[in-house]
Amino acid sequence: QVQLVESGGGLVQPGGSLRLSCAASGSTSSISVMAWFRQSPGKERQFVSALFRANRPYYADSVKGRFTISRDGAKNTLYLQMNSLKPEDTAVYYCAADRNLILSSLSNSNAYDYWGQGTQVTVSS
């Protein structure tokens, strides 16, 4: 089993920055893909970013150039650096992981076996 715990969310003004963390524990050596999703009230869960095999990064068009995904292998921690934040970035952000997900399923939330509890990000003046 794999456990994921997100942290780092909070309230920030438009144009500001936040850095989210996702701490993984359990059978972490079996994980091949880690990702970030987000969900706002009344909307579907949306793909944000992922690290595929060999830590290859992928981004949704809406965050490309503003967000950066990375991983600290020694501490089994995934990060999402969020810059130039916009009100439409407001959501609960979830960390996700999977053992053998293929590239064509990277943005499909139903393909991931492991999920964190989420952390709230609010962008408002």
N, C-alpha and C. Protein backbone atom coordinates (compact mmCIF):
# COMPACT_ATOMS: atom_id res chain seq x y z
N GLN A 1 0.81 -1.17 0.00
CA GLN A 1 0.00 0.00 0.00
C GLN A 1 0.87 1.25 0.00
N VAL A 2 0.28 2.37 -0.48
CA VAL A 2 0.95 3.65 -0.56
C VAL A 2 0.06 4.70 0.10
N GLN A 3 0.67 5.54 0.93
CA GLN A 3 -0.03 6.65 1.55
C GLN A 3 0.55 7.97 1.05
N LEU A 4 -0.33 8.94 0.76
CA LEU A 4 0.07 10.24 0.25
C LEU A 4 -0.55 11.32 1.13
N VAL A 5 0.26 12.30 1.53
CA VAL A 5 -0.21 13.39 2.38
C VAL A 5 0.26 14.71 1.78
N GLU A 6 -0.69 15.57 1.40
CA GLU A 6 -0.38 16.88 0.83
C GLU A 6 -0.27 17.93 1.93
N SER A 7 0.50 18.99 1.64
CA SER A 7 0.61 20.14 2.52
C SER A 7 1.04 21.34 1.70
N GLY A 8 0.95 22.53 2.29
CA GLY A 8 1.44 23.74 1.66
C GLY A 8 0.38 24.65 1.09
N GLY A 9 -0.87 24.25 1.12
CA GLY A 9 -1.93 25.09 0.60
C GLY A 9 -2.19 26.28 1.51
N GLY A 10 -2.98 27.22 1.00
CA GLY A 10 -3.31 28.40 1.78
C GLY A 10 -3.92 29.48 0.93
N LEU A 11 -4.01 30.69 1.49
CA LEU A 11 -4.57 31.85 0.82
C LEU A 11 -3.44 32.71 0.27
N VAL A 12 -3.55 33.09 -1.01
CA VAL A 12 -2.54 33.90 -1.65
C VAL A 12 -3.21 34.89 -2.60
N GLN A 13 -2.60 36.05 -2.79
CA GLN A 13 -3.13 37.06 -3.70
C GLN A 13 -2.83 36.70 -5.15
N PRO A 14 -3.65 37.17 -6.09
CA PRO A 14 -3.33 36.96 -7.51
C PRO A 14 -1.93 37.46 -7.83
N GLY A 15 -1.20 36.66 -8.61
CA GLY A 15 0.18 36.96 -8.93
C GLY A 15 1.18 36.39 -7.95
N GLY A 16 0.71 35.86 -6.84
CA GLY A 16 1.59 35.30 -5.83
C GLY A 16 2.00 33.88 -6.13
N SER A 17 2.71 33.27 -5.16
CA SER A 17 3.26 31.93 -5.33
C SER A 17 2.98 31.06 -4.12
N LEU A 18 2.89 29.76 -4.36
CA LEU A 18 2.80 28.75 -3.33
C LEU A 18 3.58 27.53 -3.77
N ARG A 19 4.06 26.75 -2.80
CA ARG A 19 4.74 25.50 -3.07
C ARG A 19 4.04 24.38 -2.31
N LEU A 20 3.46 23.45 -3.04
CA LEU A 20 2.77 22.31 -2.45
C LEU A 20 3.73 21.13 -2.32
N SER A 21 3.51 20.32 -1.28
CA SER A 21 4.30 19.12 -1.06
C SER A 21 3.39 17.92 -0.91
N CYS A 22 3.89 16.76 -1.32
CA CYS A 22 3.18 15.49 -1.18
C CYS A 22 4.16 14.46 -0.66
N ALA A 23 3.98 14.03 0.58
CA ALA A 23 4.85 13.04 1.19
C ALA A 23 4.29 11.65 0.98
N ALA A 24 5.09 10.77 0.39
CA ALA A 24 4.67 9.40 0.11
C ALA A 24 5.32 8.44 1.10
N SER A 25 4.55 7.44 1.53
CA SER A 25 5.07 6.42 2.43
C SER A 25 4.44 5.07 2.06
N GLY A 26 4.99 4.00 2.63
CA GLY A 26 4.54 2.67 2.30
C GLY A 26 5.42 2.06 1.23
N SER A 27 4.80 1.41 0.25
CA SER A 27 5.53 0.74 -0.83
C SER A 27 5.89 1.72 -1.93
N THR A 28 6.69 2.71 -1.59
CA THR A 28 6.98 3.80 -2.53
C THR A 28 7.86 3.35 -3.69
N SER A 29 8.63 2.29 -3.52
CA SER A 29 9.50 1.83 -4.60
C SER A 29 8.72 1.31 -5.80
N SER A 30 7.46 1.00 -5.60
CA SER A 30 6.62 0.49 -6.68
C SER A 30 6.00 1.58 -7.53
N ILE A 31 6.11 2.84 -7.13
CA ILE A 31 5.48 3.96 -7.83
C ILE A 31 6.28 4.32 -9.07
N SER A 32 5.61 4.42 -10.21
CA SER A 32 6.26 4.84 -11.44
C SER A 32 5.81 6.21 -11.92
N VAL A 33 4.63 6.68 -11.45
CA VAL A 33 4.08 7.96 -11.87
C VAL A 33 3.51 8.68 -10.66
N MET A 34 3.78 9.98 -10.55
CA MET A 34 3.15 10.82 -9.54
C MET A 34 2.61 12.06 -10.22
N ALA A 35 1.48 12.57 -9.70
CA ALA A 35 0.77 13.64 -10.39
C ALA A 35 0.04 14.54 -9.41
N TRP A 36 -0.35 15.71 -9.91
CA TRP A 36 -1.21 16.64 -9.20
C TRP A 36 -2.50 16.85 -9.98
N PHE A 37 -3.62 16.78 -9.28
CA PHE A 37 -4.94 17.12 -9.81
C PHE A 37 -5.54 18.20 -8.93
N ARG A 38 -6.59 18.86 -9.44
CA ARG A 38 -7.29 19.85 -8.63
C ARG A 38 -8.78 19.78 -8.94
N GLN A 39 -9.59 20.22 -7.96
CA GLN A 39 -11.03 20.18 -8.11
C GLN A 39 -11.66 21.35 -7.38
N SER A 40 -12.53 22.08 -8.09
CA SER A 40 -13.31 23.17 -7.52
C SER A 40 -14.75 22.71 -7.33
N PRO A 41 -15.49 23.35 -6.42
CA PRO A 41 -16.89 22.96 -6.21
C PRO A 41 -17.70 23.02 -7.50
N GLY A 42 -18.42 21.96 -7.79
CA GLY A 42 -19.26 21.91 -8.97
C GLY A 42 -18.53 21.59 -10.26
N LYS A 43 -17.22 21.34 -10.20
CA LYS A 43 -16.45 21.03 -11.39
C LYS A 43 -15.79 19.65 -11.26
N GLU A 44 -15.44 19.09 -12.40
CA GLU A 44 -14.79 17.79 -12.41
C GLU A 44 -13.33 17.91 -11.98
N ARG A 45 -12.77 16.81 -11.52
CA ARG A 45 -11.37 16.81 -11.16
C ARG A 45 -10.51 17.00 -12.40
N GLN A 46 -9.55 17.92 -12.32
CA GLN A 46 -8.78 18.37 -13.46
C GLN A 46 -7.31 18.02 -13.31
N PHE A 47 -6.72 17.52 -14.37
CA PHE A 47 -5.29 17.24 -14.38
C PHE A 47 -4.50 18.54 -14.35
N VAL A 48 -3.44 18.58 -13.55
CA VAL A 48 -2.58 19.75 -13.44
C VAL A 48 -1.19 19.45 -13.99
N SER A 49 -0.54 18.42 -13.44
CA SER A 49 0.84 18.13 -13.82
C SER A 49 1.19 16.72 -13.36
N ALA A 50 2.21 16.12 -13.98
CA ALA A 50 2.65 14.79 -13.60
C ALA A 50 4.12 14.59 -13.92
N LEU A 51 4.74 13.70 -13.17
CA LEU A 51 6.06 13.17 -13.48
C LEU A 51 5.88 11.73 -13.94
N PHE A 52 6.22 11.47 -15.19
CA PHE A 52 6.14 10.14 -15.75
C PHE A 52 7.45 9.40 -15.48
N ARG A 53 7.63 8.26 -16.09
CA ARG A 53 8.83 7.47 -15.88
C ARG A 53 10.09 8.28 -16.19
N ALA A 54 11.13 8.06 -15.40
CA ALA A 54 12.38 8.82 -15.49
C ALA A 54 12.16 10.30 -15.18
N ASN A 55 11.12 10.60 -14.41
CA ASN A 55 10.81 11.96 -13.96
C ASN A 55 10.57 12.93 -15.10
N ARG A 56 9.98 12.45 -16.18
CA ARG A 56 9.63 13.33 -17.30
C ARG A 56 8.39 14.14 -16.95
N PRO A 57 8.46 15.48 -17.02
CA PRO A 57 7.35 16.33 -16.60
C PRO A 57 6.32 16.57 -17.70
N TYR A 58 5.05 16.66 -17.29
CA TYR A 58 3.95 17.00 -18.17
C TYR A 58 3.06 18.00 -17.46
N TYR A 59 2.46 18.93 -18.24
CA TYR A 59 1.65 19.99 -17.67
C TYR A 59 0.37 20.19 -18.48
N ALA A 60 -0.71 20.53 -17.77
CA ALA A 60 -1.90 21.01 -18.45
C ALA A 60 -1.61 22.36 -19.09
N ASP A 61 -2.28 22.64 -20.21
CA ASP A 61 -2.04 23.90 -20.91
C ASP A 61 -2.32 25.11 -20.02
N SER A 62 -3.28 24.99 -19.11
CA SER A 62 -3.68 26.11 -18.27
C SER A 62 -2.62 26.53 -17.26
N VAL A 63 -1.65 25.65 -16.97
CA VAL A 63 -0.62 25.96 -15.98
C VAL A 63 0.78 25.98 -16.57
N LYS A 64 0.92 25.64 -17.83
CA LYS A 64 2.23 25.58 -18.47
C LYS A 64 2.92 26.94 -18.43
N GLY A 65 4.17 26.94 -17.99
CA GLY A 65 4.92 28.17 -17.87
C GLY A 65 4.79 28.85 -16.52
N ARG A 66 3.82 28.43 -15.71
CA ARG A 66 3.60 29.02 -14.39
C ARG A 66 3.91 28.04 -13.26
N PHE A 67 3.63 26.75 -13.47
CA PHE A 67 3.83 25.73 -12.45
C PHE A 67 5.02 24.85 -12.81
N THR A 68 5.70 24.33 -11.78
CA THR A 68 6.81 23.41 -11.98
C THR A 68 6.67 22.23 -11.04
N ILE A 69 6.71 21.02 -11.59
CA ILE A 69 6.62 19.81 -10.79
C ILE A 69 8.01 19.22 -10.61
N SER A 70 8.28 18.66 -9.43
CA SER A 70 9.57 18.04 -9.15
C SER A 70 9.41 17.01 -8.05
N ARG A 71 10.45 16.20 -7.85
CA ARG A 71 10.40 15.15 -6.84
C ARG A 71 11.73 15.04 -6.12
N ASP A 72 11.67 14.86 -4.81
CA ASP A 72 12.83 14.58 -3.98
C ASP A 72 12.82 13.08 -3.71
N GLY A 73 13.65 12.34 -4.44
CA GLY A 73 13.63 10.89 -4.33
C GLY A 73 14.05 10.37 -2.98
N ALA A 74 15.04 11.02 -2.36
CA ALA A 74 15.55 10.57 -1.08
C ALA A 74 14.50 10.65 0.02
N LYS A 75 13.62 11.63 -0.07
CA LYS A 75 12.59 11.83 0.95
C LYS A 75 11.20 11.43 0.46
N ASN A 76 11.11 10.87 -0.75
CA ASN A 76 9.84 10.42 -1.31
C ASN A 76 8.78 11.52 -1.26
N THR A 77 9.16 12.70 -1.71
CA THR A 77 8.28 13.85 -1.67
C THR A 77 8.12 14.47 -3.06
N LEU A 78 6.89 14.72 -3.44
CA LEU A 78 6.56 15.40 -4.69
C LEU A 78 6.24 16.85 -4.40
N TYR A 79 6.66 17.76 -5.29
CA TYR A 79 6.43 19.18 -5.11
C TYR A 79 5.71 19.77 -6.31
N LEU A 80 4.98 20.85 -6.07
CA LEU A 80 4.40 21.66 -7.14
C LEU A 80 4.64 23.12 -6.79
N GLN A 81 5.56 23.75 -7.52
CA GLN A 81 5.82 25.17 -7.36
C GLN A 81 4.86 25.92 -8.26
N MET A 82 4.03 26.78 -7.67
CA MET A 82 2.99 27.51 -8.38
C MET A 82 3.31 29.00 -8.34
N ASN A 83 3.55 29.59 -9.49
CA ASN A 83 3.84 31.01 -9.62
C ASN A 83 2.77 31.70 -10.44
N SER A 84 2.72 33.02 -10.36
CA SER A 84 1.76 33.83 -11.12
C SER A 84 0.35 33.29 -10.97
N LEU A 85 -0.05 33.04 -9.74
CA LEU A 85 -1.34 32.42 -9.48
C LEU A 85 -2.50 33.32 -9.87
N LYS A 86 -3.56 32.68 -10.37
CA LYS A 86 -4.77 33.35 -10.82
C LYS A 86 -5.96 32.88 -9.99
N PRO A 87 -7.03 33.68 -9.91
CA PRO A 87 -8.22 33.23 -9.17
C PRO A 87 -8.75 31.88 -9.66
N GLU A 88 -8.64 31.60 -10.95
CA GLU A 88 -9.12 30.33 -11.47
C GLU A 88 -8.28 29.14 -11.05
N ASP A 89 -7.14 29.38 -10.39
CA ASP A 89 -6.35 28.30 -9.81
C ASP A 89 -6.91 27.83 -8.47
N THR A 90 -7.88 28.55 -7.93
CA THR A 90 -8.47 28.18 -6.65
C THR A 90 -9.12 26.80 -6.74
N ALA A 91 -8.73 25.90 -5.84
CA ALA A 91 -9.23 24.53 -5.86
C ALA A 91 -8.62 23.76 -4.71
N VAL A 92 -9.14 22.56 -4.48
CA VAL A 92 -8.47 21.59 -3.64
C VAL A 92 -7.50 20.82 -4.53
N TYR A 93 -6.24 20.79 -4.14
CA TYR A 93 -5.20 20.13 -4.92
C TYR A 93 -4.90 18.77 -4.32
N TYR A 94 -4.90 17.74 -5.17
CA TYR A 94 -4.69 16.36 -4.75
C TYR A 94 -3.42 15.79 -5.37
N CYS A 95 -2.70 15.04 -4.58
CA CYS A 95 -1.57 14.26 -5.05
C CYS A 95 -2.05 12.86 -5.42
N ALA A 96 -1.53 12.31 -6.51
CA ALA A 96 -1.91 10.98 -6.96
C ALA A 96 -0.68 10.20 -7.41
N ALA A 97 -0.76 8.87 -7.34
CA ALA A 97 0.35 8.02 -7.74
C ALA A 97 -0.18 6.71 -8.29
N ASP A 98 0.67 6.06 -9.11
CA ASP A 98 0.30 4.77 -9.68
C ASP A 98 1.54 3.94 -9.95
N ARG A 99 1.37 2.63 -10.03
CA ARG A 99 2.48 1.71 -10.23
C ARG A 99 2.86 1.53 -11.70
N ASN A 100 1.87 1.48 -12.58
CA ASN A 100 2.16 1.10 -13.97
C ASN A 100 1.30 1.85 -14.99
N LEU A 101 0.89 3.04 -14.67
CA LEU A 101 0.09 3.86 -15.57
C LEU A 101 0.85 4.12 -16.88
N ILE A 102 0.13 4.09 -18.01
CA ILE A 102 0.74 4.36 -19.30
C ILE A 102 0.53 5.83 -19.68
N LEU A 103 1.33 6.31 -20.61
CA LEU A 103 1.35 7.73 -20.93
C LEU A 103 0.00 8.24 -21.42
N SER A 104 -0.73 7.44 -22.18
CA SER A 104 -2.01 7.88 -22.71
C SER A 104 -3.06 8.09 -21.63
N SER A 105 -2.84 7.55 -20.43
CA SER A 105 -3.77 7.70 -19.31
C SER A 105 -3.30 8.72 -18.28
N LEU A 106 -2.29 9.49 -18.59
CA LEU A 106 -1.65 10.35 -17.61
C LEU A 106 -2.61 11.36 -17.00
N SER A 107 -3.51 11.92 -17.80
CA SER A 107 -4.43 12.96 -17.33
C SER A 107 -5.78 12.41 -16.89
N ASN A 108 -5.92 11.11 -16.83
CA ASN A 108 -7.18 10.46 -16.45
C ASN A 108 -7.15 10.14 -14.96
N SER A 109 -7.95 10.84 -14.17
CA SER A 109 -7.95 10.63 -12.72
C SER A 109 -8.36 9.22 -12.34
N ASN A 110 -9.18 8.57 -13.16
CA ASN A 110 -9.63 7.21 -12.86
C ASN A 110 -8.53 6.18 -13.00
N ALA A 111 -7.40 6.54 -13.60
CA ALA A 111 -6.32 5.60 -13.82
C ALA A 111 -5.39 5.47 -12.62
N TYR A 112 -5.48 6.36 -11.65
CA TYR A 112 -4.57 6.38 -10.52
C TYR A 112 -5.13 5.59 -9.34
N ASP A 113 -4.27 4.78 -8.72
CA ASP A 113 -4.69 3.92 -7.62
C ASP A 113 -4.57 4.59 -6.25
N TYR A 114 -3.69 5.56 -6.11
CA TYR A 114 -3.40 6.14 -4.80
C TYR A 114 -3.64 7.64 -4.81
N TRP A 115 -4.28 8.14 -3.74
CA TRP A 115 -4.64 9.55 -3.63
C TRP A 115 -4.40 10.08 -2.23
N GLY A 116 -4.01 11.34 -2.15
CA GLY A 116 -3.94 12.03 -0.88
C GLY A 116 -5.27 12.64 -0.50
N GLN A 117 -5.30 13.32 0.65
CA GLN A 117 -6.54 13.89 1.16
C GLN A 117 -6.86 15.26 0.59
N GLY A 118 -5.90 15.90 -0.05
CA GLY A 118 -6.10 17.20 -0.65
C GLY A 118 -5.67 18.35 0.25
N THR A 119 -5.29 19.46 -0.38
CA THR A 119 -4.95 20.68 0.34
C THR A 119 -5.57 21.87 -0.41
N GLN A 120 -6.19 22.78 0.33
CA GLN A 120 -6.93 23.89 -0.26
C GLN A 120 -5.99 25.01 -0.69
N VAL A 121 -6.16 25.47 -1.92
CA VAL A 121 -5.47 26.65 -2.44
C VAL A 121 -6.51 27.68 -2.83
N THR A 122 -6.42 28.87 -2.25
CA THR A 122 -7.35 29.95 -2.55
C THR A 122 -6.58 31.16 -3.04
N VAL A 123 -6.90 31.64 -4.24
CA VAL A 123 -6.25 32.80 -4.84
C VAL A 123 -7.28 33.91 -4.89
N SER A 124 -7.09 34.93 -4.07
CA SER A 124 -8.07 36.00 -3.95
C SER A 124 -7.42 37.25 -3.39
N SER A 125 -7.93 38.41 -3.80
CA SER A 125 -7.46 39.67 -3.26
C SER A 125 -8.36 40.17 -2.14
